[in-house]
C-alpha cells in the first residue's frame, strides 16, 4: 500500500477561453479524458470569452504516474457546443496535453489553441494550467508518525539558519571529493545532487530550414554547468532520432537539510544547452528552487523534479523561426534528484524491477565530470531508423533506386542457379536442374550435389502463344508490349514480347515473338492444384522512349480451363507417345485500380503436353556454395578403360584438380564480390533512407513554415480586403458627400441669385418709391414755401391796409386786426413746422437710400464671390 506522500493529484485548471463566436442559443462544455476516465465542466455561455473557472483532478500514486509518463499517456481536452433544448453536442476542437510536462511546481497558465477547430476565421483558445499536488487525505497512522524527532535547539544557543550568511556558496573540498555548503561543524550530512538528461524529441525544429540537418563531422551534445562544473553529454550525429543513452551527472554535497534547501532556493535555474561545436542551438531552464520546495522526507526518499522541458532557440534565431504548435515544439526530458547518500535514488520510472540508476561515489579529485551510463528504464524516443534492408519479393514495388538494385541482384542470383538445364522441379528444391545428359558425356560439373526426383514425377511441356491484342478503349494509341512470369514453370525471369506494337482504337494487331514453351517436371496432383489455384497474369505495358514504361492493365489466364479441355495423343520427337491438351480463348485486359473497366482484349492459345515419366532421377544444384569440399563424383560409372588411357594419367588428374580448384576459387571470389556488393547496396539503401528521413523532416518543417506563412498571408489578405472594403466605402461616402455638397452649393447659389434678384427688384422699387416721395416732398415744400410767401405778402399787405385803415378811420379796431394777425402767425408757425417735418423726412429718406445702396453693393460683392 502506498504511503501518504505517494498519493498524487493531477490537477488541470480550465480558467477561461477567447476568440469564441457569440452564439446565445448554445453553451460550451469542456470534457477531459485521462486513462479512460472522463471529467467535464459545467455548461457556460457561448460568448467571446467564456469563463469556465473549473479544476479537474485525477488521483493516482507516484508509481502509476511514472508508468503513464513512460507510456506517454496524453490528457485530451475536447470542447463541445451543446444545444440545451435538443441535448445535441457538436465538437468545437480539442487539446492534447503532455503528461511529462506536469510538475509539482505551480506554473503560470498558458493559452492553448484548439486543434481541428470548426471556427476557421477565429482561433479559439483555452487558458489552462497543470500542477501535480500531494493528495493530503486523512489516512491510518503509519509507523513514520511515531519516529523520534530531532530535539529543538537549546535556549540561548542560536539556530543554524541564523548563523548563515545571506548568500550561500558551495566550496569544493578536493581531497574529500564533495562540496561544503554551510558551516562545517553544523552541516555534516552527505547529499547527492544528480541531473539526468533522458531523451529529446523534435530537435530538428531548432534548425532553420535554410541549414542542413546534418553535415559531415557535425556533432551535437548537451552542455550544462552544475555547481561550477562544466558537463557535456556524449555526442550524437542525428537530430531526427537522437541516439544517445540517458546520462546522469552527480555531485556530492556536505550540508544539512535546512541549509541545503536554503542554498537551492537561492540558486538560479539550471540551463541546459543543445550545442553544435561552439554554438548553442537552444536551451531550457530547470528550476533548482523547485527541488527545495518539494515536500519530501530526504531521510527516506529522494526529492525529484522531472519533466519534458521545451528547448527555446537563441533570440537572434528565434526571430527567424516561425511559431510552433505545442505538439511540434522541441522538448528535452530532464530529471533533477536530491537524496541522502545512504538512500538508493528513486529515478525516473522505477517499476520495482531492480533497474536503478547507478550511484557512483566521487573520486578523490574534484567532481568535475561524472557521466556513468544509466540502466534506468527512462523512455528514450524510439529510433525511427528501420533495420537493414530486407530483400523484397520479386513482384513488389520498391521505394528507391537502391532497393531496385537489390531486387535485380536477387533476381540475378536466382536465375544463375537455373541456367544449367531446361527442365526443373518446381516448388520442391531450390533451383534444381534435371540431368538430361545421356551416357557418360555429361557437361555438368562432377562436384555438383544431386537431389533425387520422385519416381511418379512426369515430364510436362507447357507452351503459350499470345496471338493478338485488340479492342483498345483508350483514346490515345499505345506501344504495347506484353509481360508475364510463372514461377511454377521453374523460371522467375519475365517473358516479354518484343518489339512493341502500335495499337489504336478499333483495330487488332498480332504480337511478335509471343510464343514460349516451358519444360518442367512435376507431380500430376501438384500440377492440378497449382493450375486451379494460381492464374497466369499477363501485363500490358506502354513503352515510351521519352518517359518510363506505363502499366496499362492486366489479363488473368485461368490455366484450369486447360486441364478440363479434350486430351489427344501425339508422337513425341523421341518416338514415344504423349498426351496433349489445347485451350484457345479471348480474355479482357482490365485496369489495375479499376478492375471493372476493360482496356483491351487478348487472344491466346495455351497447350500442355504430357511426355510421360521423367527418366532422369537426379537433379544438380548449381549454387556455388555447395561446391566447396565436395568430392568429384561422376553422374554415371564409366566403363573400364585401358591403363594407357590419357585420362588415367597423373598429369590429367592434376590438371583436372587444378581446373576444379580454379572453378572453386572463382565461385568463392564471386560470392565475396556478391556479398560486398550486397553490403554496399545495404549501406547505400540505409544512407538513402537516412537522407530520405532528413528530406521528409525538412519537407514537414517547410510545410509548417509555409502553412504559417499562408496563415499570415491569409490574415494580411483579409486585412487588406477589409481595408480595401473600408476604402471603397469611404470613397463612396466621400463621393456621396461631394454630390450632396455640390447639390447644396448649387441650391444655395440659386437661392442667393433668386434672393439677390428679389432684393435688387425690391431695392429698385424702393428707390423709385423714395424718388417719388422725394419728388412729392419737393412739390409739397415748394407749395408750402409758396404758401409762406403768399402768407407773408398778405401779412405785409394786411399790415399796410391796417396802417392805412388806422389812418383813414382813425379808430382802433385792435381786436379784429389782432386776431387776424394771430391767425396768420399760427398759419406761419404751422407752415414752418410742416416745412421742418418735410426736411426731416427728406433727410430720413436720404439715409434709407444710402443704407439700401450699401446693402445692394454688399450683396453684389457676395454674389461675385
Foldseek 3Di string as FASTA:
>chain_A
DDDQQQKKKKKKWFFKKAQFDADAQKWKKKWKDFPRDIDIFDTFGRHGITGGGDMDMDIDGPLVLLVCLQVQTWIKIWMWIARVPVRDTDTQFMDIHTSQAAWQDWDAWDWAWGPPGPPVVTTMTTTMTIYMGRDNDDDDDDPVVPDDDDDDDDPPDDDQVVPDDPAWAWCFDFQAAATETGDCVAFAFKKKKKKKFAAKALQQLLDDLVDFQFDPPKWKWKWWADRNFIEIADTATGRHAGPGHIWMAMGMYTGDLVRVLSNLLPDFWIKMFIDTVPDTSWIFTHRSNVQSVDPDDQVAAKRKTWGWTFTDGDPVSNVVRDDDHPVNTMTITMMIIMHGPVYFYDDRNDNVPPQGFDDDGGDSGHSRYDIDGGRDPRHYPDDPQDDFDDQDDQPDDDDDPLNVVVSVLVQVLLVLFQPPAQAEEFPPDRSWAFQPDPDQPGPDFLLFDKDFDDQQKFKKKKKKAFFKKAQFPDQDKFQKKKWWADCRLPHRDIDIFDDTDIYHHPDMDTTHPRMDMGIYIYHPVVVLVCLQPDWIKMWIWGDDPVDHIDTDFIWTHRSNVQVVADWDWDQDPVRDIKIKTKDWDKTFTAHDVDRVDTRIIITMMMMMITPTTDPGGITGGPQLVSSPPGDRHRPDDDDDDPCPDPCNDPVNVVVVVVVSVVVNVVNVVVVVVSVVVVVVSSVVVSVVVSVVVSVVSSVVSVVVVVVVVVVVVVVVVVVVVVVVVVVVVVVVVVVVVVVVVVVVVVVVLVVLVVVLVVLVVVLVVLVVVLVVLLVVLVVVLVVLVVVLVVLVVVVVVVVVVVVVCCVVVVDPPPPVVVVVVVVSVVSNVVSVVVNVVSVVVNVVSVVVNVVSVVVSVVSVVVSVD
